[in-house]
PDB file of N, CA and C in Angstrom:
ATOM      1  N   MET A   1       0.798  -1.220   0.027  1.00  0.00           N
ATOM      2  CA  MET A   1       0.015   0.014   0.009  1.00  0.00           C
ATOM      3  C   MET A   1       0.866   1.206  -0.072  1.00  0.00           C
ATOM      4  N   ARG A   2       2.060   1.046   0.798  1.00  0.00           N
ATOM      5  CA  ARG A   2       2.750   2.306   0.841  1.00  0.00           C
ATOM      6  C   ARG A   2       3.480   2.639  -0.394  1.00  0.00           C
ATOM      7  N   GLN A   3       3.790   1.484  -1.279  1.00  0.00           N
ATOM      8  CA  GLN A   3       4.481   1.730  -2.614  1.00  0.00           C
ATOM      9  C   GLN A   3       3.499   1.955  -3.633  1.00  0.00           C
ATOM     10  N   ARG A   4       2.359   1.929  -3.372  1.00  0.00           N
ATOM     11  CA  ARG A   4       1.097   2.096  -4.267  1.00  0.00           C
ATOM     12  C   ARG A   4       1.289   1.177  -5.558  1.00  0.00           C
ATOM     13  N   ILE A   5       1.606  -0.115  -5.148  1.00  0.00           N
ATOM     14  CA  ILE A   5       1.759  -1.097  -6.355  1.00  0.00           C
ATOM     15  C   ILE A   5       0.332  -1.642  -6.491  1.00  0.00           C
ATOM     16  N   GLU A   6      -0.051  -1.613  -7.720  1.00  0.00           N
ATOM     17  CA  GLU A   6      -1.398  -2.153  -8.086  1.00  0.00           C
ATOM     18  C   GLU A   6      -1.135  -3.716  -8.488  1.00  0.00           C
ATOM     19  N   PRO A   7      -2.207  -4.529  -8.036  1.00  0.00           N
ATOM     20  CA  PRO A   7      -2.241  -5.706  -8.396  1.00  0.00           C
ATOM     21  C   PRO A   7      -2.183  -6.064  -9.889  1.00  0.00           C
ATOM     22  N   ALA A   8      -1.775  -7.109 -10.299  1.00  0.00           N
ATOM     23  CA  ALA A   8      -1.828  -7.499 -11.828  1.00  0.00           C
ATOM     24  C   ALA A   8      -3.192  -7.704 -12.270  1.00  0.00           C
ATOM     25  N   GLU A   9      -3.372  -7.424 -13.392  1.00  0.00           N
ATOM     26  CA  GLU A   9      -4.793  -7.658 -14.053  1.00  0.00           C
ATOM     27  C   GLU A   9      -5.112  -9.126 -14.020  1.00  0.00           C
ATOM     28  N   PRO A  10      -6.388  -9.471 -13.637  1.00  0.00           N
ATOM     29  CA  PRO A  10      -6.965 -10.842 -13.634  1.00  0.00           C
ATOM     30  C   PRO A  10      -6.642 -11.497 -14.914  1.00  0.00           C
ATOM     31  N   ILE A  11      -6.294 -12.702 -14.846  1.00  0.00           N
ATOM     32  CA  ILE A  11      -6.171 -13.689 -15.905  1.00  0.00           C
ATOM     33  C   ILE A  11      -7.322 -14.403 -16.303  1.00  0.00           C
ATOM     34  N   ASP A  12      -7.909 -14.048 -17.374  1.00  0.00           N
ATOM     35  CA  ASP A  12      -9.272 -14.524 -17.790  1.00  0.00           C
ATOM     36  C   ASP A  12      -9.159 -15.736 -18.654  1.00  0.00           C
ATOM     37  N   LYS A  13      -8.137 -16.646 -18.345  1.00  0.00           N
ATOM     38  CA  LYS A  13      -7.830 -17.817 -19.373  1.00  0.00           C
ATOM     39  C   LYS A  13      -7.659 -19.069 -18.472  1.00  0.00           C
ATOM     40  N   ASP A  14      -7.624 -20.191 -19.078  1.00  0.00           N
ATOM     41  CA  ASP A  14      -7.447 -21.389 -18.356  1.00  0.00           C
ATOM     42  C   ASP A  14      -5.915 -21.648 -18.270  1.00  0.00           C
ATOM     43  N   LEU A  15      -5.401 -21.548 -17.013  1.00  0.00           N
ATOM     44  CA  LEU A  15      -3.842 -21.459 -16.901  1.00  0.00           C
ATOM     45  C   LEU A  15      -3.418 -22.737 -17.272  1.00  0.00           C
ATOM     46  N   TYR A  16      -4.034 -23.806 -17.220  1.00  0.00           N
ATOM     47  CA  TYR A  16      -3.428 -25.066 -17.683  1.00  0.00           C
ATOM     48  C   TYR A  16      -3.284 -25.150 -19.244  1.00  0.00           C
ATOM     49  N   GLU A  17      -3.931 -24.345 -19.866  1.00  0.00           N
ATOM     50  CA  GLU A  17      -3.842 -24.385 -21.409  1.00  0.00           C
ATOM     51  C   GLU A  17      -3.027 -23.120 -21.945  1.00  0.00           C
ATOM     52  N   LEU A  18      -2.310 -22.407 -21.225  1.00  0.00           N
ATOM     53  CA  LEU A  18      -1.482 -21.338 -21.758  1.00  0.00           C
ATOM     54  C   LEU A  18      -0.237 -21.777 -22.358  1.00  0.00           C
ATOM     55  N   GLU A  19       0.173 -21.148 -23.345  1.00  0.00           N
ATOM     56  CA  GLU A  19       1.329 -21.474 -24.082  1.00  0.00           C
ATOM     57  C   GLU A  19       2.631 -21.230 -23.089  1.00  0.00           C
ATOM     58  N   PRO A  20       3.716 -21.845 -23.241  1.00  0.00           N
ATOM     59  CA  PRO A  20       4.710 -21.672 -22.254  1.00  0.00           C
ATOM     60  C   PRO A  20       5.287 -20.325 -22.158  1.00  0.00           C
ATOM     61  N   GLU A  21       5.394 -19.509 -23.280  1.00  0.00           N
ATOM     62  CA  GLU A  21       5.791 -18.048 -23.157  1.00  0.00           C
ATOM     63  C   GLU A  21       4.928 -17.303 -22.366  1.00  0.00           C
ATOM     64  N   GLU A  22       3.640 -17.497 -22.597  1.00  0.00           N
ATOM     65  CA  GLU A  22       2.577 -16.812 -21.794  1.00  0.00           C
ATOM     66  C   GLU A  22       2.571 -17.101 -20.183  1.00  0.00           C
ATOM     67  N   HIS A  23       2.760 -18.579 -19.857  1.00  0.00           N
ATOM     68  CA  HIS A  23       2.831 -19.019 -18.730  1.00  0.00           C
ATOM     69  C   HIS A  23       4.058 -18.476 -17.964  1.00  0.00           C
ATOM     70  N   ALA A  24       5.207 -18.346 -18.566  1.00  0.00           N
ATOM     71  CA  ALA A  24       6.454 -17.802 -17.954  1.00  0.00           C
ATOM     72  C   ALA A  24       6.296 -16.313 -17.566  1.00  0.00           C
ATOM     73  N   ASP A  25       5.374 -15.592 -18.136  1.00  0.00           N
ATOM     74  CA  ASP A  25       5.160 -14.192 -17.752  1.00  0.00           C
ATOM     75  C   ASP A  25       4.397 -14.010 -16.509  1.00  0.00           C
ATOM     76  N   ILE A  26       3.695 -14.974 -16.065  1.00  0.00           N
ATOM     77  CA  ILE A  26       2.894 -14.910 -14.787  1.00  0.00           C
ATOM     78  C   ILE A  26       3.623 -14.977 -13.687  1.00  0.00           C
ATOM     79  N   GLU A  27       3.588 -14.024 -12.758  1.00  0.00           N
ATOM     80  CA  GLU A  27       4.467 -14.085 -11.361  1.00  0.00           C
ATOM     81  C   GLU A  27       3.799 -15.140 -10.516  1.00  0.00           C
ATOM     82  N   LYS A  28       4.796 -15.921 -10.062  1.00  0.00           N
ATOM     83  CA  LYS A  28       4.232 -17.025  -9.285  1.00  0.00           C
ATOM     84  C   LYS A  28       4.741 -16.927  -7.818  1.00  0.00           C
ATOM     85  N   LEU A  29       4.176 -17.625  -6.871  1.00  0.00           N
ATOM     86  CA  LEU A  29       4.490 -17.691  -5.550  1.00  0.00           C
ATOM     87  C   LEU A  29       5.403 -18.865  -5.319  1.00  0.00           C
ATOM     88  N   PRO A  30       6.270 -18.721  -4.171  1.00  0.00           N
ATOM     89  CA  PRO A  30       7.220 -19.991  -4.006  1.00  0.00           C
ATOM     90  C   PRO A  30       6.417 -21.104  -3.962  1.00  0.00           C
ATOM     91  N   ALA A  31       7.020 -22.227  -4.447  1.00  0.00           N
ATOM     92  CA  ALA A  31       6.335 -23.460  -4.457  1.00  0.00           C
ATOM     93  C   ALA A  31       6.577 -24.494  -3.274  1.00  0.00           C
ATOM     94  N   SER A  32       7.538 -24.006  -2.390  1.00  0.00           N
ATOM     95  CA  SER A  32       7.584 -24.800  -1.189  1.00  0.00           C
ATOM     96  C   SER A  32       7.967 -24.047   0.028  1.00  0.00           C
ATOM     97  N   LEU A  33       7.817 -24.642   1.094  1.00  0.00           N
ATOM     98  CA  LEU A  33       8.038 -23.738   2.323  1.00  0.00           C
ATOM     99  C   LEU A  33       9.485 -23.376   2.337  1.00  0.00           C
ATOM    100  N   ASP A  34      10.520 -24.210   1.988  1.00  0.00           N
ATOM    101  CA  ASP A  34      11.915 -23.873   1.909  1.00  0.00           C
ATOM    102  C   ASP A  34      11.923 -22.556   0.942  1.00  0.00           C
ATOM    103  N   ALA A  35      11.404 -22.536  -0.253  1.00  0.00           N
ATOM    104  CA  ALA A  35      11.380 -21.378  -1.089  1.00  0.00           C
ATOM    105  C   ALA A  35      10.851 -20.184  -0.546  1.00  0.00           C
ATOM    106  N   ALA A  36       9.723 -20.267   0.262  1.00  0.00           N
ATOM    107  CA  ALA A  36       9.103 -19.193   0.802  1.00  0.00           C
ATOM    108  C   ALA A  36       9.833 -18.697   1.918  1.00  0.00           C
ATOM    109  N   LEU A  37      10.624 -19.493   2.887  1.00  0.00           N
ATOM    110  CA  LEU A  37      11.598 -19.025   3.908  1.00  0.00           C
ATOM    111  C   LEU A  37      12.689 -18.233   3.173  1.00  0.00           C
ATOM    112  N   GLU A  38      13.123 -18.887   2.012  1.00  0.00           N
ATOM    113  CA  GLU A  38      14.400 -18.034   1.272  1.00  0.00           C
ATOM    114  C   GLU A  38      13.900 -16.780   0.906  1.00  0.00           C
ATOM    115  N   ALA A  39      12.769 -16.619   0.374  1.00  0.00           N
ATOM    116  CA  ALA A  39      12.093 -15.292  -0.128  1.00  0.00           C
ATOM    117  C   ALA A  39      11.924 -14.364   1.022  1.00  0.00           C
ATOM    118  N   LEU A  40      11.633 -15.028   2.272  1.00  0.00           N
ATOM    119  CA  LEU A  40      11.447 -14.072   3.417  1.00  0.00           C
ATOM    120  C   LEU A  40      12.731 -13.487   3.831  1.00  0.00           C
ATOM    121  N   GLU A  41      13.788 -14.418   3.874  1.00  0.00           N
ATOM    122  CA  GLU A  41      15.194 -13.990   4.405  1.00  0.00           C
ATOM    123  C   GLU A  41      15.521 -12.799   3.389  1.00  0.00           C
ATOM    124  N   ALA A  42      15.260 -13.019   2.146  1.00  0.00           N
ATOM    125  CA  ALA A  42      15.827 -12.059   1.160  1.00  0.00           C
ATOM    126  C   ALA A  42      15.046 -10.734   1.304  1.00  0.00           C
ATOM    127  N   ASP A  43      13.793 -10.664   1.735  1.00  0.00           N
ATOM    128  CA  ASP A  43      13.096  -9.556   1.604  1.00  0.00           C
ATOM    129  C   ASP A  43      12.051  -9.463   2.814  1.00  0.00           C
ATOM    130  N   HIS A  44      12.491  -8.806   3.937  1.00  0.00           N
ATOM    131  CA  HIS A  44      11.754  -8.874   5.170  1.00  0.00           C
ATOM    132  C   HIS A  44      11.745  -7.516   5.964  1.00  0.00           C
ATOM    133  N   ASP A  45      12.174  -6.489   5.235  1.00  0.00           N
ATOM    134  CA  ASP A  45      12.438  -5.193   5.746  1.00  0.00           C
ATOM    135  C   ASP A  45      10.989  -4.533   6.090  1.00  0.00           C
ATOM    136  N   PHE A  46      10.027  -4.990   5.317  1.00  0.00           N
ATOM    137  CA  PHE A  46       8.684  -4.291   5.566  1.00  0.00           C
ATOM    138  C   PHE A  46       8.216  -4.911   6.944  1.00  0.00           C
ATOM    139  N   LEU A  47       8.644  -6.020   7.475  1.00  0.00           N
ATOM    140  CA  LEU A  47       8.156  -6.597   8.738  1.00  0.00           C
ATOM    141  C   LEU A  47       8.901  -5.838   9.830  1.00  0.00           C
ATOM    142  N   LEU A  48       9.990  -5.213   9.616  1.00  0.00           N
ATOM    143  CA  LEU A  48      10.822  -4.648  10.797  1.00  0.00           C
ATOM    144  C   LEU A  48      10.243  -3.229  10.964  1.00  0.00           C
ATOM    145  N   GLU A  49       9.538  -2.688  10.152  1.00  0.00           N
ATOM    146  CA  GLU A  49       9.063  -1.417  10.238  1.00  0.00           C
ATOM    147  C   GLU A  49       8.014  -1.207  11.470  1.00  0.00           C
ATOM    148  N   GLY A  50       8.095  -0.246  12.307  1.00  0.00           N
ATOM    149  CA  GLY A  50       7.195  -0.141  13.276  1.00  0.00           C
ATOM    150  C   GLY A  50       7.380  -0.873  14.452  1.00  0.00           C
ATOM    151  N   ASP A  51       8.617  -1.449  14.470  1.00  0.00           N
ATOM    152  CA  ASP A  51       9.219  -2.273  15.578  1.00  0.00           C
ATOM    153  C   ASP A  51       8.129  -3.398  16.055  1.00  0.00           C
ATOM    154  N   VAL A  52       7.422  -3.870  15.155  1.00  0.00           N
ATOM    155  CA  VAL A  52       6.498  -4.950  15.548  1.00  0.00           C
ATOM    156  C   VAL A  52       7.331  -6.358  15.570  1.00  0.00           C
ATOM    157  N   PHE A  53       8.306  -6.658  14.561  1.00  0.00           N
ATOM    158  CA  PHE A  53       9.084  -7.807  14.585  1.00  0.00           C
ATOM    159  C   PHE A  53      10.572  -7.181  14.675  1.00  0.00           C
ATOM    160  N   THR A  54      11.291  -8.152  15.118  1.00  0.00           N
ATOM    161  CA  THR A  54      12.755  -7.892  15.067  1.00  0.00           C
ATOM    162  C   THR A  54      13.678  -8.858  14.212  1.00  0.00           C
ATOM    163  N   ASP A  55      14.803  -8.437  13.925  1.00  0.00           N
ATOM    164  CA  ASP A  55      15.598  -9.434  13.060  1.00  0.00           C
ATOM    165  C   ASP A  55      15.738 -10.747  13.771  1.00  0.00           C
ATOM    166  N   ASP A  56      15.934 -10.561  15.064  1.00  0.00           N
ATOM    167  CA  ASP A  56      16.300 -11.906  15.890  1.00  0.00           C
ATOM    168  C   ASP A  56      14.988 -12.691  15.852  1.00  0.00           C
ATOM    169  N   LEU A  57      13.834 -12.113  16.121  1.00  0.00           N
ATOM    170  CA  LEU A  57      12.633 -12.859  15.912  1.00  0.00           C
ATOM    171  C   LEU A  57      12.424 -13.631  14.540  1.00  0.00           C
ATOM    172  N   LEU A  58      12.570 -12.871  13.647  1.00  0.00           N
ATOM    173  CA  LEU A  58      12.514 -13.441  12.249  1.00  0.00           C
ATOM    174  C   LEU A  58      13.400 -14.605  11.991  1.00  0.00           C
ATOM    175  N   SER A  59      14.572 -14.393  12.295  1.00  0.00           N
ATOM    176  CA  SER A  59      15.714 -15.422  12.055  1.00  0.00           C
ATOM    177  C   SER A  59      15.453 -16.706  12.928  1.00  0.00           C
ATOM    178  N   THR A  60      15.060 -16.434  14.161  1.00  0.00           N
ATOM    179  CA  THR A  60      14.658 -17.593  15.096  1.00  0.00           C
ATOM    180  C   THR A  60      13.486 -18.354  14.517  1.00  0.00           C
ATOM    181  N   TRP A  61      12.419 -17.604  13.887  1.00  0.00           N
ATOM    182  CA  TRP A  61      11.251 -18.311  13.462  1.00  0.00           C
ATOM    183  C   TRP A  61      11.606 -19.120  12.113  1.00  0.00           C
ATOM    184  N   ILE A  62      12.392 -18.372  11.432  1.00  0.00           N
ATOM    185  CA  ILE A  62      12.892 -19.083  10.110  1.00  0.00           C
ATOM    186  C   ILE A  62      13.693 -20.366  10.464  1.00  0.00           C
ATOM    187  N   ASP A  63      14.580 -20.358  11.438  1.00  0.00           N
ATOM    188  CA  ASP A  63      15.480 -21.404  11.986  1.00  0.00           C
ATOM    189  C   ASP A  63      14.557 -22.592  12.394  1.00  0.00           C
ATOM    190  N   TYR A  64      13.489 -22.266  13.223  1.00  0.00           N
ATOM    191  CA  TYR A  64      12.598 -23.250  13.848  1.00  0.00           C
ATOM    192  C   TYR A  64      11.885 -23.870  12.750  1.00  0.00           C
ATOM    193  N   LYS A  65      11.392 -23.228  11.573  1.00  0.00           N
ATOM    194  CA  LYS A  65      10.625 -23.825  10.503  1.00  0.00           C
ATOM    195  C   LYS A  65      11.519 -24.732   9.823  1.00  0.00           C
ATOM    196  N   ARG A  66      12.777 -24.456   9.612  1.00  0.00           N
ATOM    197  CA  ARG A  66      13.700 -25.307   9.014  1.00  0.00           C
ATOM    198  C   ARG A  66      13.989 -26.508   9.752  1.00  0.00           C
ATOM    199  N   ILE A  67      14.293 -26.375  10.980  1.00  0.00           N
ATOM    200  CA  ILE A  67      14.573 -27.413  11.872  1.00  0.00           C
ATOM    201  C   ILE A  67      13.375 -28.311  12.119  1.00  0.00           C
ATOM    202  N   ASN A  68      12.296 -27.829  12.368  1.00  0.00           N
ATOM    203  CA  ASN A  68      11.195 -28.736  12.771  1.00  0.00           C
ATOM    204  C   ASN A  68      10.283 -28.978  12.007  1.00  0.00           C
ATOM    205  N   GLU A  69      10.310 -28.343  10.722  1.00  0.00           N
ATOM    206  CA  GLU A  69       9.317 -28.759   9.760  1.00  0.00           C
ATOM    207  C   GLU A  69       9.995 -29.254   8.356  1.00  0.00           C
ATOM    208  N   ILE A  70      10.981 -28.507   7.905  1.00  0.00           N
ATOM    209  CA  ILE A  70      11.703 -28.879   6.577  1.00  0.00           C
ATOM    210  C   ILE A  70      12.566 -30.114   6.744  1.00  0.00           C
ATOM    211  N   GLU A  71      13.501 -30.067   7.669  1.00  0.00           N
ATOM    212  CA  GLU A  71      14.502 -31.148   7.745  1.00  0.00           C
ATOM    213  C   GLU A  71      13.706 -32.503   8.268  1.00  0.00           C
ATOM    214  N   PRO A  72      12.727 -32.636   9.027  1.00  0.00           N
ATOM    215  CA  PRO A  72      12.198 -34.005   9.329  1.00  0.00           C
ATOM    216  C   PRO A  72      11.489 -34.524   8.048  1.00  0.00           C
ATOM    217  N   ILE A  73      10.859 -33.637   7.234  1.00  0.00           N
ATOM    218  CA  ILE A  73      10.439 -34.220   5.941  1.00  0.00           C
ATOM    219  C   ILE A  73      11.395 -34.644   4.916  1.00  0.00           C
ATOM    220  N   ARG A  74      12.473 -33.901   4.988  1.00  0.00           N
ATOM    221  CA  ARG A  74      13.557 -34.435   4.107  1.00  0.00           C
ATOM    222  C   ARG A  74      14.252 -35.589   4.419  1.00  0.00           C
ATOM    223  N   GLN A  75      14.109 -36.001   5.763  1.00  0.00           N
ATOM    224  CA  GLN A  75      14.802 -37.262   6.345  1.00  0.00           C
ATOM    225  C   GLN A  75      13.917 -38.542   6.163  1.00  0.00           C
ATOM    226  N   ARG A  76      12.784 -38.213   5.685  1.00  0.00           N
ATOM    227  CA  ARG A  76      11.884 -39.401   5.609  1.00  0.00           C
ATOM    228  C   ARG A  76      11.360 -39.662   4.067  1.00  0.00           C
ATOM    229  N   PRO A  77      10.827 -40.790   3.796  1.00  0.00           N
ATOM    230  CA  PRO A  77      10.672 -40.946   2.328  1.00  0.00           C
ATOM    231  C   PRO A  77       9.214 -40.317   2.079  1.00  0.00           C
ATOM    232  N   HIS A  78       8.995 -39.783   1.012  1.00  0.00           N
ATOM    233  CA  HIS A  78       7.794 -39.173   0.577  1.00  0.00           C
ATOM    234  C   HIS A  78       6.709 -40.467   0.269  1.00  0.00           C
ATOM    235  N   PRO A  79       5.435 -40.242   0.640  1.00  0.00           N
ATOM    236  CA  PRO A  79       4.552 -41.379   0.430  1.00  0.00           C
ATOM    237  C   PRO A  79       4.734 -41.988  -0.968  1.00  0.00           C
ATOM    238  N   HIS A  80       4.819 -41.046  -1.948  1.00  0.00           N
ATOM    239  CA  HIS A  80       4.938 -41.676  -3.296  1.00  0.00           C
ATOM    240  C   HIS A  80       6.124 -42.563  -3.301  1.00  0.00           C
ATOM    241  N   GLU A  81       7.359 -42.149  -2.879  1.00  0.00           N
ATOM    242  CA  GLU A  81       8.497 -42.977  -2.852  1.00  0.00           C
ATOM    243  C   GLU A  81       8.273 -44.340  -2.134  1.00  0.00           C
ATOM    244  N   PHE A  82       7.531 -44.210  -1.055  1.00  0.00           N
ATOM    245  CA  PHE A  82       7.248 -45.391  -0.303  1.00  0.00           C
ATOM    246  C   PHE A  82       6.345 -46.258  -1.081  1.00  0.00           C
ATOM    247  N   GLU A  83       5.381 -45.797  -1.815  1.00  0.00           N
ATOM    248  CA  GLU A  83       4.470 -46.587  -2.650  1.00  0.00           C
ATOM    249  C   GLU A  83       5.292 -47.257  -3.801  1.00  0.00           C
ATOM    250  N   MET A  84       6.319 -46.350  -4.362  1.00  0.00           N
ATOM    251  CA  MET A  84       7.006 -46.909  -5.558  1.00  0.00           C
ATOM    252  C   MET A  84       7.918 -48.197  -5.103  1.00  0.00           C
ATOM    253  N   TYR A  85       8.615 -48.149  -3.958  1.00  0.00           N
ATOM    254  CA  TYR A  85       9.788 -48.864  -3.553  1.00  0.00           C
ATOM    255  C   TYR A  85       9.371 -49.848  -2.629  1.00  0.00           C
ATOM    256  N   PHE A  86       8.336 -49.696  -1.812  1.00  0.00           N
ATOM    257  CA  PHE A  86       7.926 -50.808  -0.626  1.00  0.00           C
ATOM    258  C   PHE A  86       7.756 -52.163  -1.218  1.00  0.00           C
ATOM    259  N   THR A  87       7.031 -52.189  -2.349  1.00  0.00           N
ATOM    260  CA  THR A  87       6.810 -53.557  -2.970  1.00  0.00           C
ATOM    261  C   THR A  87       7.875 -54.354  -3.644  1.00  0.00           C
ATOM    262  N   LEU A  88       9.070 -53.740  -3.806  1.00  0.00           N
ATOM    263  CA  LEU A  88      10.170 -54.292  -4.528  1.00  0.00           C
ATOM    264  C   LEU A  88      10.716 -55.428  -3.720  1.00  0.00           C
TER     265      LEU A  88
END
């Protein structure tokens, strides 16, 4: 709001049927929690304004998410992997 950035125009097309060039022009959100945390680390100055959050709080929260959510998932097989290899 402060930067007066206008949202993109709505896309009135079937996103699954777009041409690759047209699909590449659409801005996308991070596809995973890890990518979202990387984006937050790269751009979080807006959260520091007004002394609502501190750098220490944000880095602690990001570390917590990585240690307690991302790493445990990486250390275990995905259900699809389990389905693929369990019967071998």
